[in-house]
């Protein structure tokens, strides 16, 4: 009898405790916010003697990656036949930056000036409702005698909820 009462009590306590659990509402697809992304790229020259070009650039045009993508399988090895001119973007924003080097070597004032210009752009993006989501950078530096080439590339990836 005691055993049965304990089992019945446990079942009742279980039901009561589950009644306090609140279900989280799953948003419907139509209520799901749509995110948009924007990439800003800085290309800073690390060419000795200040001969390179440095810019902060961003596209004003949109492209659908699917138009330029193909899926290859063992049975279907056809490549995408998109024309380069269809991919190319001619509508973009370009901000001049200074090169890391001048005739005297590395120019720290140029680097700080670029930081100030890039910071200004980041602030403007934030004021437009963009949130900085990711930053990634890489460089291809001067490989020594005879090379004389190099760039430092940083991509700033922003996101925001699309307002329609």
N, C-alpha and C. Protein backbone atom coordinates (compact mmCIF):
# COMPACT_ATOMS: atom_id res chain seq x y z
N UNK A 1 0.82 -1.19 0.00
CA UNK A 1 0.00 0.00 0.00
C UNK A 1 0.87 1.26 0.00
N UNK A 2 1.93 1.28 0.87
CA UNK A 2 2.84 2.42 0.93
C UNK A 2 3.53 2.62 -0.41
N UNK A 3 3.87 1.50 -1.04
CA UNK A 3 4.55 1.56 -2.33
C UNK A 3 3.65 2.21 -3.38
N UNK A 4 2.39 1.82 -3.40
CA UNK A 4 1.43 2.39 -4.36
C UNK A 4 1.24 3.88 -4.12
N UNK A 5 1.17 4.30 -2.85
CA UNK A 5 1.00 5.71 -2.53
C UNK A 5 2.22 6.51 -2.97
N UNK A 6 3.42 5.94 -2.80
CA UNK A 6 4.64 6.62 -3.24
C UNK A 6 4.64 6.79 -4.76
N UNK A 7 4.24 5.78 -5.49
CA UNK A 7 4.21 5.85 -6.96
C UNK A 7 3.18 6.89 -7.40
N UNK A 8 2.00 6.86 -6.80
CA UNK A 8 0.94 7.81 -7.13
C UNK A 8 1.42 9.23 -6.80
N UNK A 9 2.07 9.41 -5.65
CA UNK A 9 2.60 10.72 -5.25
C UNK A 9 3.65 11.23 -6.24
N UNK A 10 4.53 10.33 -6.66
CA UNK A 10 5.58 10.71 -7.62
C UNK A 10 4.97 11.13 -8.94
N UNK A 11 3.94 10.41 -9.39
CA UNK A 11 3.28 10.75 -10.65
C UNK A 11 2.61 12.12 -10.54
N UNK A 12 1.94 12.38 -9.42
CA UNK A 12 1.26 13.66 -9.22
C UNK A 12 2.28 14.81 -9.18
N UNK A 13 3.39 14.62 -8.45
CA UNK A 13 4.44 15.64 -8.38
C UNK A 13 5.01 15.88 -9.78
N UNK A 14 5.20 14.83 -10.55
CA UNK A 14 5.70 14.97 -11.92
C UNK A 14 4.77 15.80 -12.78
N UNK A 15 3.47 15.50 -12.72
CA UNK A 15 2.51 16.29 -13.51
C UNK A 15 2.49 17.75 -13.09
N UNK A 16 2.54 17.98 -11.79
CA UNK A 16 2.51 19.35 -11.29
C UNK A 16 3.76 20.11 -11.75
N UNK A 17 4.94 19.47 -11.66
CA UNK A 17 6.16 20.17 -12.05
C UNK A 17 6.18 20.46 -13.55
N UNK A 18 5.64 19.56 -14.38
CA UNK A 18 5.59 19.82 -15.83
C UNK A 18 4.60 20.92 -16.18
N UNK A 19 3.63 21.14 -15.33
CA UNK A 19 2.64 22.19 -15.63
C UNK A 19 3.25 23.59 -15.52
N UNK A 20 4.39 23.72 -14.83
CA UNK A 20 5.05 25.02 -14.68
C UNK A 20 6.05 25.32 -15.79
N UNK A 21 6.35 24.36 -16.63
CA UNK A 21 7.29 24.57 -17.73
C UNK A 21 6.59 25.35 -18.83
N UNK A 22 7.19 26.46 -19.21
CA UNK A 22 6.60 27.28 -20.26
C UNK A 22 7.20 26.89 -21.59
N UNK A 23 6.33 26.71 -22.57
CA UNK A 23 6.82 26.39 -23.90
C UNK A 23 7.27 27.66 -24.60
N UNK A 24 8.41 27.58 -25.24
CA UNK A 24 8.93 28.71 -26.00
C UNK A 24 8.23 28.73 -27.34
N UNK A 25 7.71 29.88 -27.71
CA UNK A 25 7.04 29.99 -29.00
C UNK A 25 8.06 29.95 -30.12
N UNK A 26 7.80 29.13 -31.10
CA UNK A 26 8.67 29.05 -32.26
C UNK A 26 8.16 30.06 -33.29
N UNK A 27 9.01 30.98 -33.68
CA UNK A 27 8.54 32.00 -34.63
C UNK A 27 8.14 31.37 -35.97
N UNK A 28 7.08 31.87 -36.52
CA UNK A 28 6.63 31.42 -37.84
C UNK A 28 7.57 31.98 -38.89
N UNK A 29 7.67 31.31 -40.01
CA UNK A 29 8.56 31.76 -41.08
C UNK A 29 8.26 33.19 -41.50
N UNK A 30 6.98 33.56 -41.54
CA UNK A 30 6.66 34.91 -41.99
C UNK A 30 7.08 35.98 -41.00
N UNK A 31 7.25 35.61 -39.72
CA UNK A 31 7.67 36.56 -38.70
C UNK A 31 9.18 36.57 -38.49
N UNK A 32 9.86 35.68 -39.16
CA UNK A 32 11.31 35.57 -38.99
C UNK A 32 11.99 36.79 -39.60
N UNK A 33 12.87 37.45 -38.82
CA UNK A 33 13.55 38.63 -39.37
C UNK A 33 14.51 38.23 -40.50
N UNK A 34 14.60 39.09 -41.49
CA UNK A 34 15.49 38.84 -42.61
C UNK A 34 16.77 39.64 -42.38
N UNK A 35 17.89 38.95 -42.36
CA UNK A 35 19.17 39.62 -42.17
C UNK A 35 19.76 39.99 -43.52
N UNK A 36 20.41 41.11 -43.56
CA UNK A 36 21.19 41.47 -44.75
C UNK A 36 22.62 41.69 -44.31
N UNK A 37 23.53 41.45 -45.23
CA UNK A 37 24.95 41.55 -44.97
C UNK A 37 25.60 42.52 -45.93
N UNK A 38 26.67 43.14 -45.48
CA UNK A 38 27.45 44.03 -46.33
C UNK A 38 28.92 43.84 -46.00
N UNK A 39 29.74 43.79 -47.03
CA UNK A 39 31.18 43.61 -46.87
C UNK A 39 31.89 44.89 -47.29
N UNK A 40 32.76 45.37 -46.41
CA UNK A 40 33.63 46.51 -46.70
C UNK A 40 35.04 45.94 -46.69
N UNK A 41 35.83 46.25 -47.71
CA UNK A 41 37.19 45.71 -47.81
C UNK A 41 38.20 46.83 -47.86
N UNK A 42 39.23 46.71 -47.02
CA UNK A 42 40.35 47.64 -47.13
C UNK A 42 41.51 46.89 -47.76
N UNK A 43 42.12 47.52 -48.75
CA UNK A 43 43.29 46.98 -49.44
C UNK A 43 44.39 48.00 -49.24
N UNK A 44 45.42 47.63 -48.47
CA UNK A 44 46.50 48.56 -48.15
C UNK A 44 47.79 48.04 -48.75
N UNK A 45 48.44 48.88 -49.50
CA UNK A 45 49.66 48.50 -50.21
C UNK A 45 50.85 48.38 -49.27
N UNK A 46 51.60 47.31 -49.45
CA UNK A 46 52.88 47.17 -48.76
C UNK A 46 53.99 47.04 -49.80
N UNK A 47 53.87 47.89 -50.82
CA UNK A 47 54.89 47.94 -51.87
C UNK A 47 55.93 48.98 -51.46
N UNK A 48 57.20 48.60 -51.43
CA UNK A 48 58.25 49.56 -51.07
C UNK A 48 58.22 50.80 -51.98
N UNK A 49 58.65 51.91 -51.46
CA UNK A 49 58.74 53.20 -52.16
C UNK A 49 57.38 53.84 -52.39
N UNK A 50 56.34 53.31 -51.80
CA UNK A 50 55.02 53.94 -51.90
C UNK A 50 54.41 53.91 -53.27
N UNK A 51 54.76 52.93 -54.09
CA UNK A 51 54.26 52.88 -55.46
C UNK A 51 52.88 52.22 -55.59
N UNK A 52 52.41 51.56 -54.55
CA UNK A 52 51.14 50.84 -54.62
C UNK A 52 49.94 51.74 -54.48
N UNK A 53 48.76 51.13 -54.50
CA UNK A 53 47.50 51.86 -54.30
C UNK A 53 46.77 51.24 -53.13
N UNK A 54 46.18 52.07 -52.29
CA UNK A 54 45.43 51.60 -51.13
C UNK A 54 44.03 52.20 -51.17
N UNK A 55 43.02 51.35 -50.88
CA UNK A 55 41.64 51.80 -50.96
C UNK A 55 40.78 51.08 -49.92
N UNK A 56 39.67 51.73 -49.58
CA UNK A 56 38.58 51.14 -48.80
C UNK A 56 37.42 51.06 -49.78
N UNK A 57 36.92 49.85 -50.05
CA UNK A 57 35.92 49.69 -51.10
C UNK A 57 34.70 48.91 -50.60
N UNK A 58 33.55 49.21 -51.20
CA UNK A 58 32.32 48.47 -50.92
C UNK A 58 31.40 48.57 -52.12
N UNK A 59 30.69 47.49 -52.37
CA UNK A 59 29.80 47.41 -53.52
C UNK A 59 28.48 48.12 -53.24
N UNK A 60 27.98 48.81 -54.26
CA UNK A 60 26.64 49.38 -54.20
C UNK A 60 25.66 48.54 -55.00
N UNK A 61 26.16 47.47 -55.62
CA UNK A 61 25.34 46.58 -56.44
C UNK A 61 25.18 45.24 -55.73
N UNK A 62 24.13 44.53 -56.09
CA UNK A 62 23.92 43.20 -55.53
C UNK A 62 24.14 42.16 -56.61
N UNK A 63 24.61 41.02 -56.20
CA UNK A 63 24.79 39.88 -57.09
C UNK A 63 24.20 38.65 -56.41
N UNK A 64 23.60 37.77 -57.20
CA UNK A 64 23.09 36.49 -56.70
C UNK A 64 24.12 35.43 -57.02
N UNK A 65 24.77 34.91 -55.99
CA UNK A 65 25.84 33.94 -56.20
C UNK A 65 25.36 32.73 -57.02
N UNK A 66 24.09 32.38 -56.91
CA UNK A 66 23.57 31.20 -57.59
C UNK A 66 23.70 31.32 -59.11
N UNK A 67 23.65 32.54 -59.63
CA UNK A 67 23.79 32.74 -61.07
C UNK A 67 25.19 32.36 -61.57
N UNK A 68 26.16 32.35 -60.68
CA UNK A 68 27.54 32.12 -61.08
C UNK A 68 28.08 30.81 -60.49
N UNK A 69 27.18 29.96 -60.04
CA UNK A 69 27.56 28.73 -59.35
C UNK A 69 27.07 27.51 -60.11
N UNK A 70 27.89 26.48 -60.14
CA UNK A 70 27.47 25.19 -60.69
C UNK A 70 27.83 24.11 -59.68
N UNK A 71 27.05 23.05 -59.68
CA UNK A 71 27.35 21.91 -58.82
C UNK A 71 27.88 20.80 -59.69
N UNK A 72 29.04 20.30 -59.33
CA UNK A 72 29.65 19.23 -60.11
C UNK A 72 29.51 17.91 -59.36
N UNK A 73 29.21 16.90 -60.11
CA UNK A 73 29.15 15.55 -59.57
C UNK A 73 29.94 14.64 -60.50
N UNK A 74 30.05 13.39 -60.13
CA UNK A 74 30.76 12.46 -60.99
C UNK A 74 30.05 12.31 -62.33
N UNK A 75 28.71 12.39 -62.29
CA UNK A 75 27.92 12.25 -63.52
C UNK A 75 27.83 13.56 -64.29
N UNK A 76 27.84 14.70 -63.59
CA UNK A 76 27.69 16.00 -64.23
C UNK A 76 28.92 16.85 -63.90
N UNK A 77 29.82 16.98 -64.84
CA UNK A 77 31.06 17.72 -64.61
C UNK A 77 31.08 19.04 -65.38
N UNK A 78 29.90 19.59 -65.67
CA UNK A 78 29.83 20.84 -66.43
C UNK A 78 30.11 22.02 -65.51
N UNK A 79 30.95 22.93 -66.00
CA UNK A 79 31.28 24.12 -65.21
C UNK A 79 30.34 25.26 -65.55
N UNK A 80 30.29 26.22 -64.67
CA UNK A 80 29.46 27.39 -64.88
C UNK A 80 30.07 28.22 -66.01
N UNK A 81 29.25 28.64 -66.94
CA UNK A 81 29.73 29.37 -68.12
C UNK A 81 29.50 30.88 -68.01
N UNK A 82 29.40 31.39 -66.79
CA UNK A 82 29.17 32.83 -66.59
C UNK A 82 30.30 33.64 -67.20
N UNK A 83 29.94 34.77 -67.74
CA UNK A 83 30.92 35.70 -68.30
C UNK A 83 31.44 36.60 -67.19
N UNK A 84 32.73 36.88 -67.23
CA UNK A 84 33.34 37.75 -66.22
C UNK A 84 32.66 39.12 -66.19
N UNK A 85 32.25 39.63 -67.34
CA UNK A 85 31.62 40.95 -67.39
C UNK A 85 30.28 40.96 -66.65
N UNK A 86 29.62 39.79 -66.55
CA UNK A 86 28.35 39.71 -65.82
C UNK A 86 28.56 39.69 -64.31
N UNK A 87 29.72 39.23 -63.88
CA UNK A 87 30.03 39.18 -62.46
C UNK A 87 30.58 40.51 -61.97
N UNK A 88 31.32 41.17 -62.81
CA UNK A 88 32.01 42.42 -62.45
C UNK A 88 31.02 43.48 -61.96
N UNK A 89 31.42 44.23 -60.95
CA UNK A 89 30.61 45.31 -60.38
C UNK A 89 31.27 46.63 -60.71
N UNK A 90 30.51 47.53 -61.32
CA UNK A 90 31.05 48.85 -61.64
C UNK A 90 30.46 49.94 -60.75
N UNK A 91 29.48 49.57 -59.93
CA UNK A 91 28.82 50.51 -59.03
C UNK A 91 29.33 50.24 -57.61
N UNK A 92 30.38 50.98 -57.21
CA UNK A 92 30.95 50.76 -55.89
C UNK A 92 31.48 52.06 -55.31
N UNK A 93 31.67 52.03 -54.00
CA UNK A 93 32.22 53.18 -53.28
C UNK A 93 33.71 52.93 -53.06
N UNK A 94 34.52 53.93 -53.32
CA UNK A 94 35.97 53.80 -53.18
C UNK A 94 36.50 54.99 -52.38
N UNK A 95 37.17 54.69 -51.28
CA UNK A 95 37.78 55.71 -50.43
C UNK A 95 39.28 55.55 -50.49
N UNK A 96 39.98 56.62 -50.78
CA UNK A 96 41.44 56.55 -50.88
C UNK A 96 42.06 56.38 -49.50
N UNK A 97 43.02 55.48 -49.42
CA UNK A 97 43.84 55.29 -48.22
C UNK A 97 45.30 55.54 -48.60
N UNK A 98 46.14 55.68 -47.61
CA UNK A 98 47.56 55.91 -47.84
C UNK A 98 48.31 54.57 -47.84
N UNK A 99 49.42 54.52 -48.55
CA UNK A 99 50.23 53.32 -48.59
C UNK A 99 51.03 53.18 -47.30
N UNK A 100 51.35 51.97 -46.91
CA UNK A 100 52.12 51.73 -45.70
C UNK A 100 53.56 52.23 -45.83
N UNK A 101 54.09 52.23 -47.06
CA UNK A 101 55.48 52.63 -47.29
C UNK A 101 55.55 53.92 -48.10
N UNK A 102 56.63 54.66 -47.90
CA UNK A 102 56.98 55.74 -48.81
C UNK A 102 58.46 55.55 -49.15
N UNK A 103 59.08 56.53 -49.75
CA UNK A 103 60.49 56.38 -50.14
C UNK A 103 61.41 56.13 -48.95
N UNK A 104 61.03 56.62 -47.78
CA UNK A 104 61.85 56.45 -46.59
C UNK A 104 61.62 55.14 -45.85
N UNK A 105 60.67 54.32 -46.30
CA UNK A 105 60.35 53.06 -45.63
C UNK A 105 58.94 53.07 -45.06
N UNK A 106 58.74 52.29 -44.02
CA UNK A 106 57.40 52.20 -43.43
C UNK A 106 57.01 53.56 -42.85
N UNK A 107 55.80 53.96 -43.07
CA UNK A 107 55.32 55.29 -42.68
C UNK A 107 54.18 55.12 -41.68
N UNK A 108 54.50 55.21 -40.38
CA UNK A 108 53.51 54.98 -39.33
C UNK A 108 52.38 56.00 -39.37
N UNK A 109 52.68 57.24 -39.79
CA UNK A 109 51.63 58.25 -39.90
C UNK A 109 50.58 57.83 -40.94
N UNK A 110 51.01 57.17 -41.99
CA UNK A 110 50.06 56.68 -42.99
C UNK A 110 49.15 55.60 -42.41
N UNK A 111 49.72 54.72 -41.62
CA UNK A 111 48.93 53.65 -41.01
C UNK A 111 47.89 54.24 -40.07
N UNK A 112 48.30 55.21 -39.25
CA UNK A 112 47.37 55.85 -38.32
C UNK A 112 46.29 56.63 -39.09
N UNK A 113 46.67 57.28 -40.17
CA UNK A 113 45.69 58.00 -40.99
C UNK A 113 44.66 57.02 -41.55
N UNK A 114 45.12 55.86 -42.03
CA UNK A 114 44.19 54.83 -42.54
C UNK A 114 43.26 54.35 -41.43
N UNK A 115 43.82 54.16 -40.23
CA UNK A 115 42.99 53.75 -39.09
C UNK A 115 41.88 54.77 -38.83
N UNK A 116 42.21 56.04 -38.91
CA UNK A 116 41.21 57.09 -38.67
C UNK A 116 40.12 57.07 -39.74
N UNK A 117 40.50 56.88 -41.00
CA UNK A 117 39.51 56.84 -42.09
C UNK A 117 38.63 55.60 -41.95
N UNK A 118 39.24 54.45 -41.67
CA UNK A 118 38.47 53.20 -41.52
C UNK A 118 37.55 53.30 -40.32
N UNK A 119 38.02 53.87 -39.21
CA UNK A 119 37.18 54.06 -38.03
C UNK A 119 35.98 54.93 -38.36
N UNK A 120 36.19 55.97 -39.13
CA UNK A 120 35.10 56.85 -39.55
C UNK A 120 34.04 56.05 -40.32
N UNK A 121 34.49 55.16 -41.20
CA UNK A 121 33.56 54.33 -41.98
C UNK A 121 32.80 53.37 -41.06
N UNK A 122 33.50 52.76 -40.11
CA UNK A 122 32.85 51.84 -39.17
C UNK A 122 31.78 52.56 -38.35
N UNK A 123 32.09 53.78 -37.92
CA UNK A 123 31.11 54.58 -37.17
C UNK A 123 29.89 54.88 -38.03
N UNK A 124 30.13 55.29 -39.28
CA UNK A 124 29.02 55.59 -40.19
C UNK A 124 28.14 54.35 -40.41
N UNK A 125 28.76 53.19 -40.56
CA UNK A 125 27.99 51.96 -40.76
C UNK A 125 27.14 51.67 -39.52
N UNK A 126 27.71 51.86 -38.33
CA UNK A 126 26.96 51.65 -37.10
C UNK A 126 25.78 52.59 -36.98
N UNK A 127 25.96 53.84 -37.40
CA UNK A 127 24.87 54.81 -37.35
C UNK A 127 23.77 54.48 -38.35
N UNK A 128 24.10 53.70 -39.38
CA UNK A 128 23.09 53.26 -40.35
C UNK A 128 22.41 51.96 -39.92
N UNK A 129 22.72 51.49 -38.71
CA UNK A 129 22.08 50.29 -38.18
C UNK A 129 22.83 49.00 -38.43
N UNK A 130 24.01 49.08 -39.02
CA UNK A 130 24.80 47.88 -39.28
C UNK A 130 25.56 47.48 -38.03
N UNK A 131 25.66 46.19 -37.79
CA UNK A 131 26.45 45.64 -36.68
C UNK A 131 27.65 44.91 -37.26
N UNK A 132 28.84 45.24 -36.74
CA UNK A 132 30.04 44.56 -37.21
C UNK A 132 29.99 43.12 -36.71
N UNK A 133 29.90 42.16 -37.63
CA UNK A 133 29.74 40.76 -37.26
C UNK A 133 31.07 40.01 -37.27
N UNK A 134 31.89 40.26 -38.29
CA UNK A 134 33.16 39.54 -38.44
C UNK A 134 34.20 40.46 -39.05
N UNK A 135 35.46 40.21 -38.71
CA UNK A 135 36.58 40.88 -39.35
C UNK A 135 37.60 39.80 -39.69
N UNK A 136 38.08 39.83 -40.91
CA UNK A 136 39.10 38.87 -41.30
C UNK A 136 40.15 39.60 -42.12
N UNK A 137 41.41 39.23 -41.95
CA UNK A 137 42.46 39.91 -42.69
C UNK A 137 43.54 38.92 -43.12
N UNK A 138 44.28 39.34 -44.11
CA UNK A 138 45.40 38.54 -44.60
C UNK A 138 46.37 39.46 -45.31
N UNK A 139 47.54 38.94 -45.59
CA UNK A 139 48.50 39.76 -46.32
C UNK A 139 49.30 38.89 -47.27
N UNK A 140 49.74 39.51 -48.31
CA UNK A 140 50.72 38.93 -49.22
C UNK A 140 51.83 39.95 -49.22
N UNK A 141 52.88 39.63 -48.52
CA UNK A 141 53.93 40.62 -48.32
C UNK A 141 55.06 40.46 -49.32
N UNK A 142 55.84 41.49 -49.39
CA UNK A 142 57.00 41.53 -50.27
C UNK A 142 57.90 40.33 -50.00
N UNK A 143 58.18 39.55 -51.04
CA UNK A 143 58.98 38.33 -50.89
C UNK A 143 60.47 38.58 -51.09
N UNK A 144 60.88 39.81 -51.07
CA UNK A 144 62.30 40.10 -51.18
C UNK A 144 62.70 40.63 -52.53
N UNK A 145 63.98 40.55 -52.79
CA UNK A 145 64.57 41.12 -54.00
C UNK A 145 63.85 40.64 -55.25
N UNK A 146 63.47 41.58 -56.07
CA UNK A 146 62.81 41.24 -57.33
C UNK A 146 61.30 41.13 -57.25
N UNK A 147 60.74 41.04 -56.05
CA UNK A 147 59.29 40.91 -55.93
C UNK A 147 58.64 42.29 -55.93
N UNK A 148 58.85 43.06 -54.88
CA UNK A 148 58.34 44.43 -54.81
C UNK A 148 56.83 44.54 -54.77
N UNK A 149 56.15 43.48 -54.36
CA UNK A 149 54.68 43.50 -54.32
C UNK A 149 54.20 43.10 -52.94
N UNK A 150 53.04 43.57 -52.59
CA UNK A 150 52.44 43.15 -51.34
C UNK A 150 51.20 43.95 -51.02
N UNK A 151 50.22 43.28 -50.42
CA UNK A 151 48.99 43.95 -49.98
C UNK A 151 48.58 43.39 -48.63
N UNK A 152 47.86 44.21 -47.91
CA UNK A 152 47.25 43.81 -46.65
C UNK A 152 45.75 44.04 -46.83
N UNK A 153 44.98 42.96 -46.79
CA UNK A 153 43.54 43.02 -47.05
C UNK A 153 42.78 42.71 -45.77
N UNK A 154 41.80 43.55 -45.45
CA UNK A 154 40.91 43.31 -44.31
C UNK A 154 39.48 43.40 -44.80
N UNK A 155 38.68 42.41 -44.44
CA UNK A 155 37.25 42.43 -44.78
C UNK A 155 36.46 42.63 -43.49
N UNK A 156 35.59 43.63 -43.52
CA UNK A 156 34.69 43.93 -42.42
C UNK A 156 33.30 43.48 -42.86
N UNK A 157 32.73 42.51 -42.17
CA UNK A 157 31.44 41.96 -42.56
C UNK A 157 30.40 42.43 -41.56
N UNK A 158 29.41 43.16 -42.08
CA UNK A 158 28.36 43.74 -41.26
C UNK A 158 27.05 43.00 -41.49
N UNK A 159 26.16 43.07 -40.50
CA UNK A 159 24.82 42.53 -40.66
C UNK A 159 23.82 43.46 -39.99
N UNK A 160 22.59 43.39 -40.45
CA UNK A 160 21.48 44.12 -39.81
C UNK A 160 20.18 43.47 -40.22
N UNK A 161 19.16 43.74 -39.44
CA UNK A 161 17.83 43.24 -39.79
C UNK A 161 17.29 44.16 -40.89
N UNK A 162 16.85 43.55 -41.96
CA UNK A 162 16.33 44.32 -43.11
C UNK A 162 15.05 45.03 -42.70
N UNK A 163 14.99 46.30 -43.00
CA UNK A 163 13.78 47.09 -42.77
C UNK A 163 13.14 47.32 -44.12
N UNK A 164 11.91 46.90 -44.22
CA UNK A 164 11.23 47.02 -45.54
C UNK A 164 10.16 48.04 -45.53
